[in-house]
Amino acid sequence: MDPGTFERLCQDHRQALLAYAYTCSRDLHLAEDIVQEALLIALRKREHYFPDADFGAWLIAIARNVWFRERERRSIRERASRYLHDHADALFEATAYEPTAWEQERSALRRCLSKLAEGDRGLITAHFTSGDSYQTIASRLSRTLSWVKVRMFRVRAALLACVKDGLSLKHPDGAP
């Protein structure tokens, strides 16, 4: 389907799509987000559309899936938030988040980062400081995405172990 026809069909069905999304969500702003996401997905997958099929029904099906994902995401977030609120005292030690504890953890992390090999430190910096995606890092290093994921997992695990070791050396009795 040529881009002009696709754009016209999307424009023709946008209002119905918005009405459907609003009926599902009962929130105009969320409905607009659902429509926008559905149209982006439709654009990316337009080669999968069969010209004999009902274009509006195809868009509604995409919007329905977007709504289901959003509803599940919100449900999970709400349950997690409720759980944290209900169990905050049991989950968090009051002393664990005092400024001195944070500073000790930051110092241990800095020491551990300095011990990393240059390439591993570059991966951590690219992702966590520069905000590069794993795919961007893989492309820049001429590596596969899988390689970057595995390497990041291993480097992060090594950093965690190093930080824990560094903190336990300061407090051999296990106290914070």
C-alpha atoms as a PDB file:
ATOM      1  CA  MET A   1       0.000   0.000   0.000  1.00  0.00           C
ATOM      2  CA  ASP A   2       1.421   3.369  -0.950  1.00  0.00           C
ATOM      3  CA  PRO A   3       2.085   5.878   1.862  1.00  0.00           C
ATOM      4  CA  GLY A   4      -0.569   8.355   0.673  1.00  0.00           C
ATOM      5  CA  THR A   5      -3.333   5.761   0.688  1.00  0.00           C
ATOM      6  CA  PHE A   6      -2.220   4.449   4.053  1.00  0.00           C
ATOM      7  CA  GLU A   7      -2.216   7.959   5.557  1.00  0.00           C
ATOM      8  CA  ARG A   8      -5.671   8.712   4.148  1.00  0.00           C
ATOM      9  CA  LEU A   9      -7.118   5.462   5.516  1.00  0.00           C
ATOM     10  CA  CYS A  10      -5.605   6.146   8.943  1.00  0.00           C
ATOM     11  CA  GLN A  11      -7.077   9.651   8.935  1.00  0.00           C
ATOM     12  CA  ASP A  12     -10.494   8.323   7.866  1.00  0.00           C
ATOM     13  CA  HIS A  13     -10.559   5.799  10.741  1.00  0.00           C
ATOM     14  CA  ARG A  14      -8.875   7.905  13.456  1.00  0.00           C
ATOM     15  CA  GLN A  15     -12.122   9.177  15.005  1.00  0.00           C
ATOM     16  CA  ALA A  16     -13.636   5.681  15.237  1.00  0.00           C
ATOM     17  CA  LEU A  17     -10.368   4.390  16.670  1.00  0.00           C
ATOM     18  CA  LEU A  18     -10.390   7.145  19.295  1.00  0.00           C
ATOM     19  CA  ALA A  19     -14.011   6.335  20.189  1.00  0.00           C
ATOM     20  CA  TYR A  20     -13.109   2.671  20.619  1.00  0.00           C
ATOM     21  CA  ALA A  21     -10.055   3.463  22.749  1.00  0.00           C
ATOM     22  CA  TYR A  22     -12.070   5.865  24.911  1.00  0.00           C
ATOM     23  CA  THR A  23     -14.787   3.234  25.387  1.00  0.00           C
ATOM     24  CA  CYS A  24     -12.131   0.825  26.635  1.00  0.00           C
ATOM     25  CA  SER A  25     -10.169   3.191  28.854  1.00  0.00           C
ATOM     26  CA  ARG A  26     -12.689   5.857  29.938  1.00  0.00           C
ATOM     27  CA  ASP A  27      -9.771   8.312  29.849  1.00  0.00           C
ATOM     28  CA  LEU A  28      -9.402  10.682  26.888  1.00  0.00           C
ATOM     29  CA  HIS A  29      -5.653  11.185  27.335  1.00  0.00           C
ATOM     30  CA  LEU A  30      -5.032   7.455  27.579  1.00  0.00           C
ATOM     31  CA  ALA A  31      -7.331   6.873  24.583  1.00  0.00           C
ATOM     32  CA  GLU A  32      -5.259   9.332  22.541  1.00  0.00           C
ATOM     33  CA  ASP A  33      -2.083   7.512  23.588  1.00  0.00           C
ATOM     34  CA  ILE A  34      -3.626   4.190  22.566  1.00  0.00           C
ATOM     35  CA  VAL A  35      -4.591   5.605  19.158  1.00  0.00           C
ATOM     36  CA  GLN A  36      -1.125   7.037  18.631  1.00  0.00           C
ATOM     37  CA  GLU A  37       0.527   3.738  19.566  1.00  0.00           C
ATOM     38  CA  ALA A  38      -1.903   1.751  17.399  1.00  0.00           C
ATOM     39  CA  LEU A  39      -1.212   3.984  14.400  1.00  0.00           C
ATOM     40  CA  LEU A  40       2.551   3.650  14.892  1.00  0.00           C
ATOM     41  CA  ILE A  41       2.236  -0.124  15.024  1.00  0.00           C
ATOM     42  CA  ALA A  42       0.014  -0.067  11.929  1.00  0.00           C
ATOM     43  CA  LEU A  43       2.618   2.030  10.116  1.00  0.00           C
ATOM     44  CA  ARG A  44       5.387  -0.398  11.029  1.00  0.00           C
ATOM     45  CA  LYS A  45       3.272  -3.416  10.051  1.00  0.00           C
ATOM     46  CA  ARG A  46       1.443  -2.004   7.048  1.00  0.00           C
ATOM     47  CA  GLU A  47       2.943  -4.648   4.773  1.00  0.00           C
ATOM     48  CA  HIS A  48       0.994  -7.249   6.798  1.00  0.00           C
ATOM     49  CA  TYR A  49      -2.350  -5.623   5.962  1.00  0.00           C
ATOM     50  CA  PHE A  50      -4.373  -7.459   3.317  1.00  0.00           C
ATOM     51  CA  PRO A  51      -6.062  -4.947   0.974  1.00  0.00           C
ATOM     52  CA  ASP A  52      -9.272  -7.013   0.860  1.00  0.00           C
ATOM     53  CA  ALA A  53      -9.664  -6.826   4.668  1.00  0.00           C
ATOM     54  CA  ASP A  54     -11.526  -4.093   6.543  1.00  0.00           C
ATOM     55  CA  PHE A  55      -8.895  -1.458   7.373  1.00  0.00           C
ATOM     56  CA  GLY A  56     -10.908  -0.098  10.322  1.00  0.00           C
ATOM     57  CA  ALA A  57     -11.259  -3.561  11.859  1.00  0.00           C
ATOM     58  CA  TRP A  58      -7.513  -4.097  11.444  1.00  0.00           C
ATOM     59  CA  LEU A  59      -6.783  -0.832  13.286  1.00  0.00           C
ATOM     60  CA  ILE A  60      -9.289  -1.705  16.032  1.00  0.00           C
ATOM     61  CA  ALA A  61      -7.589  -5.083  16.523  1.00  0.00           C
ATOM     62  CA  ILE A  62      -4.237  -3.342  16.932  1.00  0.00           C
ATOM     63  CA  ALA A  63      -5.755  -0.794  19.357  1.00  0.00           C
ATOM     64  CA  ARG A  64      -7.369  -3.611  21.342  1.00  0.00           C
ATOM     65  CA  ASN A  65      -3.978  -5.287  21.806  1.00  0.00           C
ATOM     66  CA  VAL A  66      -2.402  -1.971  22.823  1.00  0.00           C
ATOM     67  CA  TRP A  67      -5.221  -1.472  25.351  1.00  0.00           C
ATOM     68  CA  PHE A  68      -4.759  -4.989  26.777  1.00  0.00           C
ATOM     69  CA  ARG A  69      -1.020  -4.402  27.235  1.00  0.00           C
ATOM     70  CA  GLU A  70      -1.636  -1.002  28.839  1.00  0.00           C
ATOM     71  CA  ARG A  71      -4.303  -2.385  31.144  1.00  0.00           C
ATOM     72  CA  GLU A  72      -2.002  -5.214  32.242  1.00  0.00           C
ATOM     73  CA  ARG A  73       0.912  -2.817  32.748  1.00  0.00           C
ATOM     74  CA  ARG A  74      -1.247  -0.520  34.883  1.00  0.00           C
ATOM     75  CA  SER A  75      -2.595  -3.447  36.869  1.00  0.00           C
ATOM     76  CA  ILE A  76       0.888  -4.745  37.623  1.00  0.00           C
ATOM     77  CA  ARG A  77       2.109  -1.273  38.571  1.00  0.00           C
ATOM     78  CA  GLU A  78      -0.916  -0.703  40.809  1.00  0.00           C
ATOM     79  CA  ARG A  79      -0.510  -4.067  42.559  1.00  0.00           C
ATOM     80  CA  ALA A  80       3.206  -3.452  43.070  1.00  0.00           C
ATOM     81  CA  SER A  81       2.576   0.018  44.427  1.00  0.00           C
ATOM     82  CA  ARG A  82      -0.106  -1.264  46.793  1.00  0.00           C
ATOM     83  CA  TYR A  83       2.193  -4.060  47.999  1.00  0.00           C
ATOM     84  CA  LEU A  84       5.065  -1.652  48.622  1.00  0.00           C
ATOM     85  CA  HIS A  85       2.789   0.699  50.519  1.00  0.00           C
ATOM     86  CA  ASP A  86       1.321  -2.089  52.630  1.00  0.00           C
ATOM     87  CA  HIS A  87       4.694  -3.713  53.421  1.00  0.00           C
ATOM     88  CA  ALA A  88       7.098  -0.769  53.446  1.00  0.00           C
ATOM     89  CA  ASP A  89       8.161  -1.261  57.064  1.00  0.00           C
ATOM     90  CA  ALA A  90       9.040  -4.903  56.500  1.00  0.00           C
ATOM     91  CA  LEU A  91      10.765  -4.295  53.155  1.00  0.00           C
ATOM     92  CA  PHE A  92      12.990  -1.364  53.984  1.00  0.00           C
ATOM     93  CA  GLU A  93      15.366  -0.885  56.852  1.00  0.00           C
ATOM     94  CA  ALA A  94      15.296   2.687  58.091  1.00  0.00           C
ATOM     95  CA  THR A  95      19.101   2.801  58.386  1.00  0.00           C
ATOM     96  CA  ALA A  96      19.693   1.419  54.884  1.00  0.00           C
ATOM     97  CA  TYR A  97      18.817   4.738  53.276  1.00  0.00           C
ATOM     98  CA  GLU A  98      20.599   7.180  55.504  1.00  0.00           C
ATOM     99  CA  PRO A  99      23.006   9.521  53.696  1.00  0.00           C
ATOM    100  CA  THR A 100      26.069   7.734  55.082  1.00  0.00           C
ATOM    101  CA  ALA A 101      24.827   4.366  53.780  1.00  0.00           C
ATOM    102  CA  TRP A 102      24.256   5.847  50.313  1.00  0.00           C
ATOM    103  CA  GLU A 103      27.710   7.398  50.326  1.00  0.00           C
ATOM    104  CA  GLN A 104      29.311   4.089  51.340  1.00  0.00           C
ATOM    105  CA  GLU A 105      27.525   2.323  48.492  1.00  0.00           C
ATOM    106  CA  ARG A 106      28.525   5.033  45.990  1.00  0.00           C
ATOM    107  CA  SER A 107      32.149   4.848  47.126  1.00  0.00           C
ATOM    108  CA  ALA A 108      32.166   1.057  46.838  1.00  0.00           C
ATOM    109  CA  LEU A 109      30.625   1.292  43.354  1.00  0.00           C
ATOM    110  CA  ARG A 110      33.221   3.851  42.234  1.00  0.00           C
ATOM    111  CA  ARG A 111      36.043   1.600  43.478  1.00  0.00           C
ATOM    112  CA  CYS A 112      34.542  -1.396  41.698  1.00  0.00           C
ATOM    113  CA  LEU A 113      34.036   0.549  38.459  1.00  0.00           C
ATOM    114  CA  SER A 114      37.690   1.561  38.513  1.00  0.00           C
ATOM    115  CA  LYS A 115      38.671  -2.124  38.784  1.00  0.00           C
ATOM    116  CA  LEU A 116      36.749  -3.092  35.632  1.00  0.00           C
ATOM    117  CA  ALA A 117      38.534  -3.687  32.363  1.00  0.00           C
ATOM    118  CA  GLU A 118      38.384  -0.653  30.066  1.00  0.00           C
ATOM    119  CA  GLY A 119      35.955  -2.324  27.643  1.00  0.00           C
ATOM    120  CA  ASP A 120      33.567  -3.393  30.411  1.00  0.00           C
ATOM    121  CA  ARG A 121      33.667   0.058  31.994  1.00  0.00           C
ATOM    122  CA  GLY A 122      32.894   1.497  28.552  1.00  0.00           C
ATOM    123  CA  LEU A 123      29.797  -0.727  28.276  1.00  0.00           C
ATOM    124  CA  ILE A 124      28.520   0.395  31.675  1.00  0.00           C
ATOM    125  CA  THR A 125      29.220   4.054  30.913  1.00  0.00           C
ATOM    126  CA  ALA A 126      27.593   3.886  27.482  1.00  0.00           C
ATOM    127  CA  HIS A 127      24.401   2.354  28.843  1.00  0.00           C
ATOM    128  CA  PHE A 128      23.971   3.942  32.261  1.00  0.00           C
ATOM    129  CA  THR A 129      25.630   7.331  31.799  1.00  0.00           C
ATOM    130  CA  SER A 130      25.060   8.059  28.117  1.00  0.00           C
ATOM    131  CA  GLY A 131      21.732   6.215  27.978  1.00  0.00           C
ATOM    132  CA  ASP A 132      22.648   4.184  24.896  1.00  0.00           C
ATOM    133  CA  SER A 133      20.455   1.176  24.155  1.00  0.00           C
ATOM    134  CA  TYR A 134      22.004  -2.270  23.935  1.00  0.00           C
ATOM    135  CA  GLN A 135      21.324  -2.226  20.184  1.00  0.00           C
ATOM    136  CA  THR A 136      23.187   1.080  19.781  1.00  0.00           C
ATOM    137  CA  ILE A 137      26.143  -0.274  21.762  1.00  0.00           C
ATOM    138  CA  ALA A 138      26.165  -3.480  19.692  1.00  0.00           C
ATOM    139  CA  SER A 139      26.202  -1.511  16.444  1.00  0.00           C
ATOM    140  CA  ARG A 140      28.987   0.796  17.633  1.00  0.00           C
ATOM    141  CA  LEU A 141      31.136  -2.163  18.758  1.00  0.00           C
ATOM    142  CA  SER A 142      30.281  -4.319  15.714  1.00  0.00           C
ATOM    143  CA  ARG A 143      28.970  -6.994  18.073  1.00  0.00           C
ATOM    144  CA  THR A 144      25.694  -8.864  18.244  1.00  0.00           C
ATOM    145  CA  LEU A 145      22.893  -7.714  20.499  1.00  0.00           C
ATOM    146  CA  SER A 146      23.127 -11.048  22.330  1.00  0.00           C
ATOM    147  CA  TRP A 147      26.796 -10.467  23.048  1.00  0.00           C
ATOM    148  CA  VAL A 148      26.060  -7.059  24.571  1.00  0.00           C
ATOM    149  CA  LYS A 149      23.223  -8.459  26.711  1.00  0.00           C
ATOM    150  CA  VAL A 150      25.330 -11.315  28.043  1.00  0.00           C
ATOM    151  CA  ARG A 151      28.354  -9.092  28.636  1.00  0.00           C
ATOM    152  CA  MET A 152      26.239  -6.477  30.458  1.00  0.00           C
ATOM    153  CA  PHE A 153      24.695  -9.207  32.625  1.00  0.00           C
ATOM    154  CA  ARG A 154      28.141 -10.511  33.580  1.00  0.00           C
ATOM    155  CA  VAL A 155      29.614  -7.062  34.222  1.00  0.00           C
ATOM    156  CA  ARG A 156      26.642  -6.017  36.353  1.00  0.00           C
ATOM    157  CA  ALA A 157      26.875  -9.269  38.337  1.00  0.00           C
ATOM    158  CA  ALA A 158      30.592  -8.679  38.888  1.00  0.00           C
ATOM    159  CA  LEU A 159      29.914  -5.108  40.015  1.00  0.00           C
ATOM    160  CA  LEU A 160      27.231  -6.267  42.446  1.00  0.00           C
ATOM    161  CA  ALA A 161      29.524  -8.900  43.946  1.00  0.00           C
ATOM    162  CA  CYS A 162      32.361  -6.381  44.222  1.00  0.00           C
ATOM    163  CA  VAL A 163      30.159  -3.773  45.908  1.00  0.00           C
ATOM    164  CA  LYS A 164      28.778  -6.354  48.353  1.00  0.00           C
ATOM    165  CA  ASP A 165      32.302  -7.538  49.143  1.00  0.00           C
ATOM    166  CA  GLY A 166      33.464  -3.969  49.632  1.00  0.00           C
ATOM    167  CA  LEU A 167      30.608  -3.187  51.972  1.00  0.00           C
ATOM    168  CA  SER A 168      31.032  -6.416  53.974  1.00  0.00           C
ATOM    169  CA  LEU A 169      34.740  -5.635  54.483  1.00  0.00           C
ATOM    170  CA  LYS A 170      33.732  -2.358  56.105  1.00  0.00           C
ATOM    171  CA  HIS A 171      31.258  -4.215  58.319  1.00  0.00           C
ATOM    172  CA  PRO A 172      32.582  -7.753  58.931  1.00  0.00           C
ATOM    173  CA  ASP A 173      29.748  -8.491  61.387  1.00  0.00           C
ATOM    174  CA  GLY A 174      27.175  -7.912  58.649  1.00  0.00           C
ATOM    175  CA  ALA A 175      25.881  -4.719  60.263  1.00  0.00           C
ATOM    176  CA  PRO A 176      25.089  -1.794  57.965  1.00  0.00           C
END
